Amino acid sequence: MTYLLLCAGFLLLAVIAATVLRRPGGPSSGALAIAAAALILLTAVFDNLMIAAGLFSYADSHVSGLRIGAAPIEDFAYPLAAVILLPALWSRLTTARSADDRVVEGGEE
């Protein structure tokens, strides 16, 4: 199995889960775009540093060959999945918690 296929499956699961979990009132698209850009930039910098330092490497037979510096393009799927999935999970959990808080504040415990 190639890393690209693994990452595609991981991204697909993140999109499906985010679609199911997302609630109205979550972060705006602009905020998500800024977060994605920041995470991709940080991934590019630190993956390249770690690969250059010899902390890890990738077998050429398992990567697509597309790279940003020394980092294979597949490494960028994980921060992208985080930007897709985590805000949806956060909005779901905070919505549930807010409902619990309203019950407690209303006098029902």
C-alpha atoms as a PDB file:
ATOM      1  CA  MET A   1       0.000   0.000   0.000  1.00  0.00           C
ATOM      2  CA  THR A   2       1.278   3.450  -0.857  1.00  0.00           C
ATOM      3  CA  TYR A   3       1.174   6.421   1.487  1.00  0.00           C
ATOM      4  CA  LEU A   4      -0.975   8.283  -1.041  1.00  0.00           C
ATOM      5  CA  LEU A   5      -3.679   5.603  -0.888  1.00  0.00           C
ATOM      6  CA  LEU A   6      -3.503   5.531   2.907  1.00  0.00           C
ATOM      7  CA  CYS A   7      -3.794   9.336   3.074  1.00  0.00           C
ATOM      8  CA  ALA A   8      -6.715   9.375   0.627  1.00  0.00           C
ATOM      9  CA  GLY A   9      -8.607   6.930   2.848  1.00  0.00           C
ATOM     10  CA  PHE A  10      -7.742   8.943   5.939  1.00  0.00           C
ATOM     11  CA  LEU A  11      -8.956  12.191   4.315  1.00  0.00           C
ATOM     12  CA  LEU A  12     -12.152  10.521   3.125  1.00  0.00           C
ATOM     13  CA  LEU A  13     -12.905   9.312   6.656  1.00  0.00           C
ATOM     14  CA  ALA A  14     -12.202  12.809   8.025  1.00  0.00           C
ATOM     15  CA  VAL A  15     -14.608  14.384   5.508  1.00  0.00           C
ATOM     16  CA  ILE A  16     -17.341  11.830   6.260  1.00  0.00           C
ATOM     17  CA  ALA A  17     -16.932  12.219  10.029  1.00  0.00           C
ATOM     18  CA  ALA A  18     -16.882  16.024   9.756  1.00  0.00           C
ATOM     19  CA  THR A  19     -20.057  15.940   7.688  1.00  0.00           C
ATOM     20  CA  VAL A  20     -21.807  13.851  10.331  1.00  0.00           C
ATOM     21  CA  LEU A  21     -20.433  15.745  13.353  1.00  0.00           C
ATOM     22  CA  ARG A  22     -20.546  19.366  12.174  1.00  0.00           C
ATOM     23  CA  ARG A  23     -23.069  21.654  13.825  1.00  0.00           C
ATOM     24  CA  PRO A  24     -24.130  25.156  12.775  1.00  0.00           C
ATOM     25  CA  GLY A  25     -22.167  27.996  14.296  1.00  0.00           C
ATOM     26  CA  GLY A  26     -18.748  26.451  13.845  1.00  0.00           C
ATOM     27  CA  PRO A  27     -15.668  28.285  12.592  1.00  0.00           C
ATOM     28  CA  SER A  28     -15.956  30.267   9.370  1.00  0.00           C
ATOM     29  CA  SER A  29     -14.366  29.098   6.123  1.00  0.00           C
ATOM     30  CA  GLY A  30     -11.870  31.949   6.362  1.00  0.00           C
ATOM     31  CA  ALA A  31     -10.735  30.837   9.811  1.00  0.00           C
ATOM     32  CA  LEU A  32     -10.375  27.264   8.576  1.00  0.00           C
ATOM     33  CA  ALA A  33      -8.377  28.433   5.542  1.00  0.00           C
ATOM     34  CA  ILE A  34      -6.005  30.413   7.757  1.00  0.00           C
ATOM     35  CA  ALA A  35      -5.591  27.419  10.073  1.00  0.00           C
ATOM     36  CA  ALA A  36      -4.949  25.120   7.106  1.00  0.00           C
ATOM     37  CA  ALA A  37      -2.358  27.483   5.638  1.00  0.00           C
ATOM     38  CA  ALA A  38      -0.575  27.776   8.994  1.00  0.00           C
ATOM     39  CA  LEU A  39      -0.517  24.019   9.536  1.00  0.00           C
ATOM     40  CA  ILE A  40       0.690  23.317   6.007  1.00  0.00           C
ATOM     41  CA  LEU A  41       3.461  25.896   6.372  1.00  0.00           C
ATOM     42  CA  LEU A  42       4.524  24.447   9.729  1.00  0.00           C
ATOM     43  CA  THR A  43       4.423  20.920   8.290  1.00  0.00           C
ATOM     44  CA  ALA A  44       6.599  21.981   5.358  1.00  0.00           C
ATOM     45  CA  VAL A  45       9.186  23.604   7.611  1.00  0.00           C
ATOM     46  CA  PHE A  46       9.389  20.999  10.345  1.00  0.00           C
ATOM     47  CA  ASP A  47       9.069  17.892   8.156  1.00  0.00           C
ATOM     48  CA  ASN A  48      11.932  19.159   6.025  1.00  0.00           C
ATOM     49  CA  LEU A  49      14.027  19.850   9.129  1.00  0.00           C
ATOM     50  CA  MET A  50      13.329  16.410  10.590  1.00  0.00           C
ATOM     51  CA  ILE A  51      14.046  14.630   7.304  1.00  0.00           C
ATOM     52  CA  ALA A  52      17.269  16.643   6.846  1.00  0.00           C
ATOM     53  CA  ALA A  53      18.320  15.706  10.392  1.00  0.00           C
ATOM     54  CA  GLY A  54      17.815  12.033   9.538  1.00  0.00           C
ATOM     55  CA  LEU A  55      15.062  11.433  12.088  1.00  0.00           C
ATOM     56  CA  PHE A  56      13.021   9.534   9.521  1.00  0.00           C
ATOM     57  CA  SER A  57      12.808   8.795   5.825  1.00  0.00           C
ATOM     58  CA  TYR A  58      10.363   7.396   3.305  1.00  0.00           C
ATOM     59  CA  ALA A  59      10.814   4.453   0.979  1.00  0.00           C
ATOM     60  CA  ASP A  60      10.638   5.801  -2.573  1.00  0.00           C
ATOM     61  CA  SER A  61       8.457   2.857  -3.596  1.00  0.00           C
ATOM     62  CA  HIS A  62       5.700   3.980  -1.215  1.00  0.00           C
ATOM     63  CA  VAL A  63       5.494   7.705  -2.001  1.00  0.00           C
ATOM     64  CA  SER A  64       4.083   9.427  -5.061  1.00  0.00           C
ATOM     65  CA  GLY A  65       7.337  11.236  -5.816  1.00  0.00           C
ATOM     66  CA  LEU A  66       5.807  14.695  -5.420  1.00  0.00           C
ATOM     67  CA  ARG A  67       7.717  16.562  -2.734  1.00  0.00           C
ATOM     68  CA  ILE A  68       7.876  19.951  -1.127  1.00  0.00           C
ATOM     69  CA  GLY A  69      11.550  20.117  -0.346  1.00  0.00           C
ATOM     70  CA  ALA A  70      12.344  16.696   1.082  1.00  0.00           C
ATOM     71  CA  ALA A  71       8.826  16.136   2.474  1.00  0.00           C
ATOM     72  CA  PRO A  72       6.523  13.965   0.374  1.00  0.00           C
ATOM     73  CA  ILE A  73       3.194  15.511  -0.518  1.00  0.00           C
ATOM     74  CA  GLU A  74       1.453  12.749   1.449  1.00  0.00           C
ATOM     75  CA  ASP A  75       2.683  14.292   4.723  1.00  0.00           C
ATOM     76  CA  PHE A  76       0.391  17.252   4.154  1.00  0.00           C
ATOM     77  CA  ALA A  77      -2.766  15.108   4.319  1.00  0.00           C
ATOM     78  CA  TYR A  78      -2.629  14.851   8.103  1.00  0.00           C
ATOM     79  CA  PRO A  79      -2.753  18.567   8.925  1.00  0.00           C
ATOM     80  CA  LEU A  80      -5.456  18.958   6.282  1.00  0.00           C
ATOM     81  CA  ALA A  81      -7.473  16.167   7.902  1.00  0.00           C
ATOM     82  CA  ALA A  82      -7.036  17.881  11.274  1.00  0.00           C
ATOM     83  CA  VAL A  83      -8.468  21.135   9.884  1.00  0.00           C
ATOM     84  CA  ILE A  84     -11.408  19.212   8.433  1.00  0.00           C
ATOM     85  CA  LEU A  85     -12.207  16.954  11.381  1.00  0.00           C
ATOM     86  CA  LEU A  86     -11.256  18.750  14.607  1.00  0.00           C
ATOM     87  CA  PRO A  87     -13.476  21.867  14.249  1.00  0.00           C
ATOM     88  CA  ALA A  88     -16.468  19.635  13.499  1.00  0.00           C
ATOM     89  CA  LEU A  89     -15.690  17.482  16.516  1.00  0.00           C
ATOM     90  CA  TRP A  90     -15.200  20.578  18.670  1.00  0.00           C
ATOM     91  CA  SER A  91     -18.518  22.109  17.582  1.00  0.00           C
ATOM     92  CA  ARG A  92     -20.286  18.822  18.286  1.00  0.00           C
ATOM     93  CA  LEU A  93     -18.774  18.463  21.760  1.00  0.00           C
ATOM     94  CA  THR A  94     -19.293  22.091  22.774  1.00  0.00           C
ATOM     95  CA  THR A  95     -22.904  21.969  21.583  1.00  0.00           C
ATOM     96  CA  ALA A  96     -23.528  18.903  23.740  1.00  0.00           C
ATOM     97  CA  ARG A  97     -21.783  20.507  26.718  1.00  0.00           C
ATOM     98  CA  SER A  98     -23.711  23.760  26.296  1.00  0.00           C
ATOM     99  CA  ALA A  99     -26.973  21.825  26.452  1.00  0.00           C
ATOM    100  CA  ASP A 100     -25.799  20.127  29.667  1.00  0.00           C
ATOM    101  CA  ASP A 101     -24.831  23.514  31.151  1.00  0.00           C
ATOM    102  CA  ARG A 102     -28.278  24.943  30.384  1.00  0.00           C
ATOM    103  CA  VAL A 103     -29.919  22.070  32.270  1.00  0.00           C
ATOM    104  CA  VAL A 104     -27.701  22.650  35.335  1.00  0.00           C
ATOM    105  CA  GLU A 105     -28.219  26.431  35.246  1.00  0.00           C
ATOM    106  CA  GLY A 106     -31.969  25.945  34.993  1.00  0.00           C
ATOM    107  CA  GLY A 107     -31.989  24.269  38.382  1.00  0.00           C
ATOM    108  CA  GLU A 108     -32.345  20.680  37.208  1.00  0.00           C
ATOM    109  CA  GLU A 109     -29.450  18.529  38.332  1.00  0.00           C
END
